[in-house]
Amino acid sequence: MTASRSILVCGVNWLGDAIMSMPALQALRKHQADAELTLLVKPALAPLWAMSSIPDRVLSLPPAGGRLRPTIQALRDLKFEVSYILPHSFRSAIPPFLARIPRRIGFPGHFPRDFMLTETRPPAAGPGRTHQAFEYFDLFFPGEARQAFPPPRLTAPPATRDKMLARLVELPRPWISVIPGAARGTSKQWPVERYAETAAALVAQTGGSIVALGTKAEQATCQQVAAAAAPNGLNLAGETSLAELAAVLALSAAAVCNDSGGMHLAAAMGTRLVALYGITNPAQTGPLGDSIRILQHSERRTRDVPRRSSEAQAALRAISSAEAIQAVLDLLRDV
């Protein structure tokens, strides 16, 4: 890799994908220690990268329907030497192209997108390199075929951590976070009744508390889980920013999650994690880190899972609450 003084990385658009790209970006940061590294991301993900030591600067794309011209001008003014485009989409290649960045490197796609790139680099296949994280290594370090990498690591802002600690401090410990939702829909959601059973049993067996986390749209689901843990249940769905969510996960002794962005965030915060999988293949998109237990019974595993899949829902139902409870207890014993 040629050393550059100023690097732009166009980041991926989903929370889980962003965290899976972090190991390669950590390696890029280490390799290009003297370069100024800027990330261009959707506004919702800017707080995520603010918790990372990787970028020197984070720029936000305009919101949906916003004007792209100011962003293009900002990129021109910064005079980048090279840009890496992590998403596969046509739209993601537009900003570095219009900003006239001399080198524009991305994964191969279709004609209009490839026309805007100066170089395409396909992911390299190979044994032991099935995880999505390796694709980003192949973009930054073509031909090296790395076999291992350190996991992503994020740090919640101290003030945010203190704020969320104040929300939790009156609850009995250990604090166990539960994220029962998934942006992908029911094909990645363990039944809420199983979450409620697990929450009640964990409170009874540990004397601790359950913190239910999710979006505003998931408040009812999270309330059902928190109510099962009463009086040691707290529903924070829809009440946390991304940084606050990260802080709660960092403060938690363990977390129980579906295959979701929240799952990847918990792993990146170093939280002991039980991840519940239907037919998604964790070898390709599983959480990265230590102290992780994946529960899955499906023999057929795939990267492409529809939003609604009876097969996926059946595979998730095959995981019992007893299994999840035992997995959490085992992780807590490793403290």
Protein backbone atom coordinates (compact mmCIF):
# COMPACT_ATOMS: atom_id res chain seq x y z
CA MET A 1 0.00 0.00 0.00
CA THR A 2 1.33 3.42 -0.99
CA ALA A 3 1.54 5.89 1.90
CA SER A 4 -0.90 8.78 1.63
CA ARG A 5 -1.13 11.99 3.59
CA SER A 6 -4.91 12.33 3.38
CA ILE A 7 -7.37 9.43 3.12
CA LEU A 8 -11.14 9.42 2.76
CA VAL A 9 -13.13 6.30 3.65
CA CYS A 10 -16.78 6.19 2.60
CA GLY A 11 -18.27 4.07 5.37
CA VAL A 12 -20.98 1.43 5.17
CA ASN A 13 -24.56 2.33 6.02
CA TRP A 14 -25.69 -0.09 8.72
CA LEU A 15 -24.58 -0.33 12.35
CA GLY A 16 -23.57 -3.99 12.20
CA ASP A 17 -21.71 -3.59 8.91
CA ALA A 18 -19.91 -0.52 10.24
CA ILE A 19 -18.64 -2.47 13.25
CA MET A 20 -17.58 -5.39 11.05
CA SER A 21 -15.51 -2.93 8.99
CA MET A 22 -13.62 -1.70 12.06
CA PRO A 23 -10.88 -4.38 12.23
CA ALA A 24 -9.72 -3.49 8.71
CA LEU A 25 -9.93 0.22 9.47
CA GLN A 26 -7.94 -0.33 12.66
CA ALA A 27 -5.27 -1.99 10.55
CA LEU A 28 -5.37 0.86 8.01
CA ARG A 29 -4.98 3.37 10.85
CA LYS A 30 -1.95 1.50 12.17
CA HIS A 31 -0.38 1.13 8.72
CA GLN A 32 -0.99 4.77 7.80
CA ALA A 33 -0.24 6.24 11.21
CA ASP A 34 0.96 9.57 9.79
CA ALA A 35 -1.98 10.07 7.43
CA GLU A 36 -5.06 12.11 8.17
CA LEU A 37 -7.97 9.67 7.96
CA THR A 38 -11.50 10.98 7.40
CA LEU A 39 -14.70 8.94 7.46
CA LEU A 40 -17.77 9.95 5.45
CA VAL A 41 -20.90 8.31 6.88
CA LYS A 42 -24.64 8.70 7.22
CA PRO A 43 -25.62 11.08 10.05
CA ALA A 44 -26.99 8.27 12.22
CA LEU A 45 -23.58 6.57 12.32
CA ALA A 46 -21.46 9.63 13.11
CA PRO A 47 -21.84 9.05 16.89
CA LEU A 48 -20.57 5.49 16.44
CA TRP A 49 -17.29 6.64 14.91
CA ALA A 50 -16.95 9.33 17.56
CA MET A 51 -16.44 6.42 20.00
CA SER A 52 -13.57 5.05 17.90
CA SER A 53 -9.91 6.06 17.86
CA ILE A 54 -9.66 5.30 14.13
CA PRO A 55 -10.68 8.52 12.33
CA ASP A 56 -9.13 11.96 12.69
CA ARG A 57 -12.33 13.45 11.34
CA VAL A 58 -15.91 12.29 10.76
CA LEU A 59 -18.03 13.94 8.08
CA SER A 60 -21.75 13.31 7.69
CA LEU A 61 -23.59 12.86 4.43
CA PRO A 62 -26.67 15.03 4.02
CA PRO A 63 -29.92 13.51 5.31
CA ALA A 64 -32.27 11.88 2.81
CA GLY A 65 -33.39 14.51 0.32
CA GLY A 66 -30.63 16.92 1.38
CA ARG A 67 -28.29 18.73 -0.99
CA LEU A 68 -25.03 16.93 -1.75
CA ARG A 69 -23.22 20.01 -3.10
CA PRO A 70 -21.92 21.29 0.30
CA THR A 71 -20.49 17.84 1.05
CA ILE A 72 -18.75 17.71 -2.33
CA GLN A 73 -17.23 21.14 -1.75
CA ALA A 74 -16.01 20.12 1.70
CA LEU A 75 -14.32 17.06 0.20
CA ARG A 76 -12.65 19.17 -2.50
CA ASP A 77 -11.38 21.63 0.08
CA LEU A 78 -9.73 18.83 2.07
CA LYS A 79 -7.75 17.68 -1.01
CA PHE A 80 -7.78 13.94 -0.39
CA GLU A 81 -5.22 11.84 -2.22
CA VAL A 82 -7.12 8.56 -2.08
CA SER A 83 -10.62 7.38 -1.23
CA TYR A 84 -11.90 3.92 -0.33
CA ILE A 85 -15.59 3.24 -0.97
CA LEU A 86 -16.77 0.44 1.33
CA PRO A 87 -20.45 0.13 0.26
CA HIS A 88 -21.25 -1.65 -2.99
CA SER A 89 -23.90 0.86 -4.01
CA PHE A 90 -23.82 3.27 -6.95
CA ARG A 91 -24.68 6.23 -4.74
CA SER A 92 -21.74 5.69 -2.41
CA ALA A 93 -19.25 6.27 -5.24
CA ILE A 94 -20.72 9.64 -6.22
CA PRO A 95 -19.14 11.93 -3.55
CA PRO A 96 -15.47 11.00 -4.16
CA PHE A 97 -16.06 11.06 -7.93
CA LEU A 98 -17.62 14.53 -7.95
CA ALA A 99 -14.99 15.75 -5.49
CA ARG A 100 -12.34 14.69 -8.05
CA ILE A 101 -10.31 12.65 -5.57
CA PRO A 102 -7.44 11.25 -7.71
CA ARG A 103 -7.62 7.63 -6.51
CA ARG A 104 -11.05 6.07 -5.92
CA ILE A 105 -10.91 2.43 -4.84
CA GLY A 106 -13.89 0.15 -4.30
CA PHE A 107 -15.37 -3.27 -4.79
CA PRO A 108 -16.41 -4.16 -8.35
CA GLY A 109 -20.05 -3.63 -9.20
CA HIS A 110 -21.95 -2.60 -12.29
CA PHE A 111 -20.91 -0.24 -15.09
CA PRO A 112 -22.05 3.19 -13.82
CA ARG A 113 -20.42 2.60 -10.44
CA ASP A 114 -17.19 1.11 -11.82
CA PHE A 115 -16.89 4.07 -14.19
CA MET A 116 -16.57 6.37 -11.18
CA LEU A 117 -13.75 4.30 -9.65
CA THR A 118 -10.10 4.37 -10.65
CA GLU A 119 -9.52 0.87 -9.29
CA THR A 120 -11.69 -2.08 -8.31
CA ARG A 121 -10.55 -4.72 -5.87
CA PRO A 122 -12.61 -7.91 -5.51
CA PRO A 123 -12.70 -9.76 -2.18
CA ALA A 124 -10.41 -12.80 -2.09
CA ALA A 125 -11.91 -16.14 -1.16
CA GLY A 126 -10.11 -18.78 0.84
CA PRO A 127 -10.37 -21.17 3.79
CA GLY A 128 -10.96 -19.42 7.09
CA ARG A 129 -11.78 -16.11 5.41
CA THR A 130 -15.56 -16.34 5.12
CA HIS A 131 -16.35 -13.53 7.55
CA GLN A 132 -17.44 -10.21 6.06
CA ALA A 133 -14.64 -8.45 7.95
CA PHE A 134 -12.08 -9.99 5.59
CA GLU A 135 -13.69 -8.25 2.59
CA TYR A 136 -12.63 -4.87 3.95
CA PHE A 137 -9.08 -6.12 4.52
CA ASP A 138 -8.98 -7.16 0.87
CA LEU A 139 -10.02 -3.64 -0.14
CA PHE A 140 -7.30 -1.94 1.90
CA PHE A 141 -4.59 -4.62 1.65
CA PRO A 142 -5.05 -6.52 -1.64
CA GLY A 143 -3.12 -9.75 -1.99
CA GLU A 144 -2.23 -10.09 1.69
CA ALA A 145 -5.06 -12.56 2.54
CA ARG A 146 -4.87 -11.94 6.27
CA GLN A 147 -6.11 -14.81 8.42
CA ALA A 148 -6.68 -13.08 11.76
CA PHE A 149 -7.31 -9.66 13.26
CA PRO A 150 -8.04 -8.03 16.62
CA PRO A 151 -11.72 -7.42 17.33
CA PRO A 152 -13.30 -3.96 17.08
CA ARG A 153 -13.14 -1.84 20.20
CA LEU A 154 -15.21 1.20 21.10
CA THR A 155 -15.23 3.45 24.17
CA ALA A 156 -18.33 5.27 25.37
CA PRO A 157 -17.77 8.97 26.19
CA PRO A 158 -17.04 9.29 29.94
CA ALA A 159 -19.82 11.84 30.49
CA THR A 160 -22.32 9.56 28.74
CA ARG A 161 -21.15 6.56 30.76
CA ASP A 162 -21.63 8.54 33.99
CA LYS A 163 -25.10 9.62 32.89
CA MET A 164 -26.24 6.06 32.21
CA LEU A 165 -24.59 4.79 35.38
CA ALA A 166 -26.83 7.20 37.27
CA ARG A 167 -29.86 5.62 35.54
CA LEU A 168 -28.82 2.11 36.58
CA VAL A 169 -27.18 2.57 39.95
CA GLU A 170 -30.28 1.86 42.07
CA LEU A 171 -30.93 -1.46 40.31
CA PRO A 172 -29.45 -4.61 41.88
CA ARG A 173 -26.42 -6.01 40.09
CA PRO A 174 -25.50 -7.78 37.89
CA TRP A 175 -27.09 -5.70 35.15
CA ILE A 176 -28.04 -7.83 32.16
CA SER A 177 -29.01 -6.06 28.95
CA VAL A 178 -31.59 -7.57 26.61
CA ILE A 179 -32.13 -6.40 23.01
CA PRO A 180 -35.21 -8.28 21.74
CA GLY A 181 -35.63 -6.41 18.46
CA ALA A 182 -33.90 -6.57 15.06
CA ALA A 183 -34.10 -4.12 12.19
CA ARG A 184 -34.27 -7.03 9.77
CA GLY A 185 -37.65 -8.10 11.16
CA THR A 186 -39.19 -11.31 12.45
CA SER A 187 -36.76 -13.58 10.60
CA LYS A 188 -34.10 -12.52 13.13
CA GLN A 189 -36.24 -12.14 16.26
CA TRP A 190 -36.37 -14.75 19.00
CA PRO A 191 -39.95 -14.88 20.38
CA VAL A 192 -40.56 -12.16 22.96
CA GLU A 193 -42.13 -14.75 25.28
CA ARG A 194 -38.76 -16.55 25.43
CA TYR A 195 -37.03 -13.28 26.25
CA ALA A 196 -39.54 -12.67 29.05
CA GLU A 197 -39.02 -16.17 30.46
CA THR A 198 -35.26 -15.70 30.29
CA ALA A 199 -35.43 -12.30 31.97
CA ALA A 200 -37.53 -13.59 34.86
CA ALA A 201 -35.28 -16.60 35.42
CA LEU A 202 -32.06 -14.57 35.31
CA VAL A 203 -33.38 -12.16 37.93
CA ALA A 204 -34.44 -15.09 40.13
CA GLN A 205 -31.12 -16.92 39.79
CA THR A 206 -28.69 -13.99 39.94
CA GLY A 207 -30.52 -11.44 42.08
CA GLY A 208 -29.65 -8.92 39.40
CA SER A 209 -31.63 -6.75 36.99
CA ILE A 210 -32.74 -6.70 33.36
CA VAL A 211 -32.33 -3.62 31.16
CA ALA A 212 -34.44 -3.84 27.99
CA LEU A 213 -33.02 -1.83 25.07
CA GLY A 214 -34.38 -0.98 21.65
CA THR A 215 -35.93 1.67 19.46
CA LYS A 216 -39.06 3.69 20.12
CA ALA A 217 -40.99 1.29 17.86
CA GLU A 218 -39.90 -1.60 20.10
CA GLN A 219 -41.13 -0.07 23.37
CA ALA A 220 -44.01 -2.51 23.78
CA THR A 221 -41.79 -5.53 23.17
CA CYS A 222 -39.16 -4.25 25.58
CA GLN A 223 -41.82 -3.46 28.19
CA GLN A 224 -42.99 -7.06 28.10
CA VAL A 225 -39.44 -8.21 28.83
CA ALA A 226 -38.85 -5.61 31.56
CA ALA A 227 -42.21 -6.41 33.20
CA ALA A 228 -41.26 -10.08 33.45
CA ALA A 229 -38.23 -9.02 35.51
CA ALA A 230 -40.23 -6.70 37.82
CA PRO A 231 -39.34 -5.09 40.13
CA ASN A 232 -35.82 -5.47 38.76
CA GLY A 233 -36.65 -4.60 35.15
CA LEU A 234 -36.00 -1.31 33.37
CA ASN A 235 -37.29 -0.45 29.90
CA LEU A 236 -35.05 2.07 28.11
CA ALA A 237 -36.40 1.43 24.59
CA GLY A 238 -36.56 4.68 22.64
CA GLU A 239 -34.85 6.59 25.46
CA THR A 240 -31.18 6.22 24.51
CA SER A 241 -28.96 7.77 21.89
CA LEU A 242 -26.45 5.50 20.17
CA ALA A 243 -23.73 6.59 22.59
CA GLU A 244 -26.05 6.02 25.56
CA LEU A 245 -26.96 2.57 24.27
CA ALA A 246 -23.24 1.78 23.99
CA ALA A 247 -22.65 3.02 27.53
CA VAL A 248 -25.40 0.80 28.98
CA LEU A 249 -23.93 -2.20 27.17
CA ALA A 250 -20.46 -1.38 28.49
CA LEU A 251 -21.84 -1.20 32.03
CA SER A 252 -23.68 -4.52 31.69
CA ALA A 253 -22.29 -7.79 32.98
CA ALA A 254 -23.83 -9.58 29.97
CA ALA A 255 -26.22 -9.07 27.09
CA VAL A 256 -28.73 -11.27 25.27
CA CYS A 257 -29.44 -10.23 21.67
CA ASN A 258 -30.82 -11.26 18.34
CA ASP A 259 -28.60 -11.12 15.26
CA SER A 260 -28.69 -7.32 14.97
CA GLY A 261 -26.71 -4.11 15.01
CA GLY A 262 -27.16 -4.01 18.78
CA MET A 263 -25.49 -7.41 18.99
CA HIS A 264 -22.44 -6.13 17.12
CA LEU A 265 -22.35 -3.03 19.30
CA ALA A 266 -22.40 -5.14 22.47
CA ALA A 267 -19.44 -7.17 21.18
CA ALA A 268 -17.51 -4.00 20.30
CA MET A 269 -18.09 -2.66 23.83
CA GLY A 270 -16.51 -5.83 25.24
CA THR A 271 -19.78 -7.04 26.82
CA ARG A 272 -20.22 -10.77 27.48
CA LEU A 273 -22.73 -11.76 24.86
CA VAL A 274 -25.28 -14.46 24.09
CA ALA A 275 -26.35 -14.14 20.43
CA LEU A 276 -29.44 -15.93 19.13
CA TYR A 277 -29.33 -17.06 15.50
CA GLY A 278 -31.94 -18.51 13.17
CA ILE A 279 -30.65 -19.34 9.68
CA THR A 280 -28.12 -16.51 9.34
CA ASN A 281 -24.55 -17.78 9.04
CA PRO A 282 -22.50 -16.48 11.99
CA ALA A 283 -19.30 -17.59 10.22
CA GLN A 284 -20.00 -14.78 7.74
CA THR A 285 -21.57 -12.03 9.84
CA GLY A 286 -21.18 -13.13 13.46
CA PRO A 287 -20.16 -10.82 16.32
CA LEU A 288 -16.45 -10.18 16.72
CA GLY A 289 -14.89 -10.37 20.15
CA ASP A 290 -14.29 -12.47 23.25
CA SER A 291 -16.75 -14.08 25.68
CA ILE A 292 -19.40 -14.65 23.02
CA ARG A 293 -21.83 -17.58 22.95
CA ILE A 294 -23.84 -18.20 19.78
CA LEU A 295 -26.98 -20.31 20.09
CA GLN A 296 -28.23 -21.82 16.84
CA HIS A 297 -29.88 -25.09 15.77
CA SER A 298 -30.40 -24.65 12.03
CA GLU A 299 -28.24 -26.84 9.80
CA ARG A 300 -28.88 -24.63 6.76
CA ARG A 301 -27.13 -21.31 7.12
CA THR A 302 -27.10 -18.42 4.71
CA ARG A 303 -26.02 -14.80 4.48
CA ASP A 304 -29.19 -13.68 2.72
CA VAL A 305 -32.23 -13.90 4.97
CA PRO A 306 -35.59 -12.41 3.92
CA ARG A 307 -37.38 -10.11 6.35
CA ARG A 308 -40.09 -12.70 6.81
CA SER A 309 -39.15 -16.35 6.77
CA SER A 310 -41.08 -19.19 8.40
CA GLU A 311 -37.91 -21.29 8.23
CA ALA A 312 -35.93 -18.67 10.12
CA GLN A 313 -38.65 -18.21 12.72
CA ALA A 314 -38.86 -21.97 13.28
CA ALA A 315 -35.08 -22.13 13.72
CA LEU A 316 -35.23 -19.37 16.32
CA ARG A 317 -38.09 -21.06 18.18
CA ALA A 318 -35.92 -24.17 18.43
CA ILE A 319 -33.69 -22.29 20.88
CA SER A 320 -35.12 -22.76 24.37
CA SER A 321 -35.12 -20.20 27.13
CA ALA A 322 -33.26 -22.76 29.27
CA GLU A 323 -30.36 -22.68 26.80
CA ALA A 324 -30.19 -18.89 26.85
CA ILE A 325 -30.37 -18.77 30.65
CA GLN A 326 -27.58 -21.31 31.03
CA ALA A 327 -25.39 -19.52 28.48
CA VAL A 328 -25.70 -16.23 30.40
CA LEU A 329 -24.98 -17.95 33.73
CA ASP A 330 -21.90 -19.62 32.25
CA LEU A 331 -20.60 -16.26 31.03
CA LEU A 332 -21.23 -14.63 34.41
CA ARG A 333 -19.27 -17.40 36.11
CA ASP A 334 -16.29 -16.50 33.92
CA VAL A 335 -16.11 -13.01 35.48
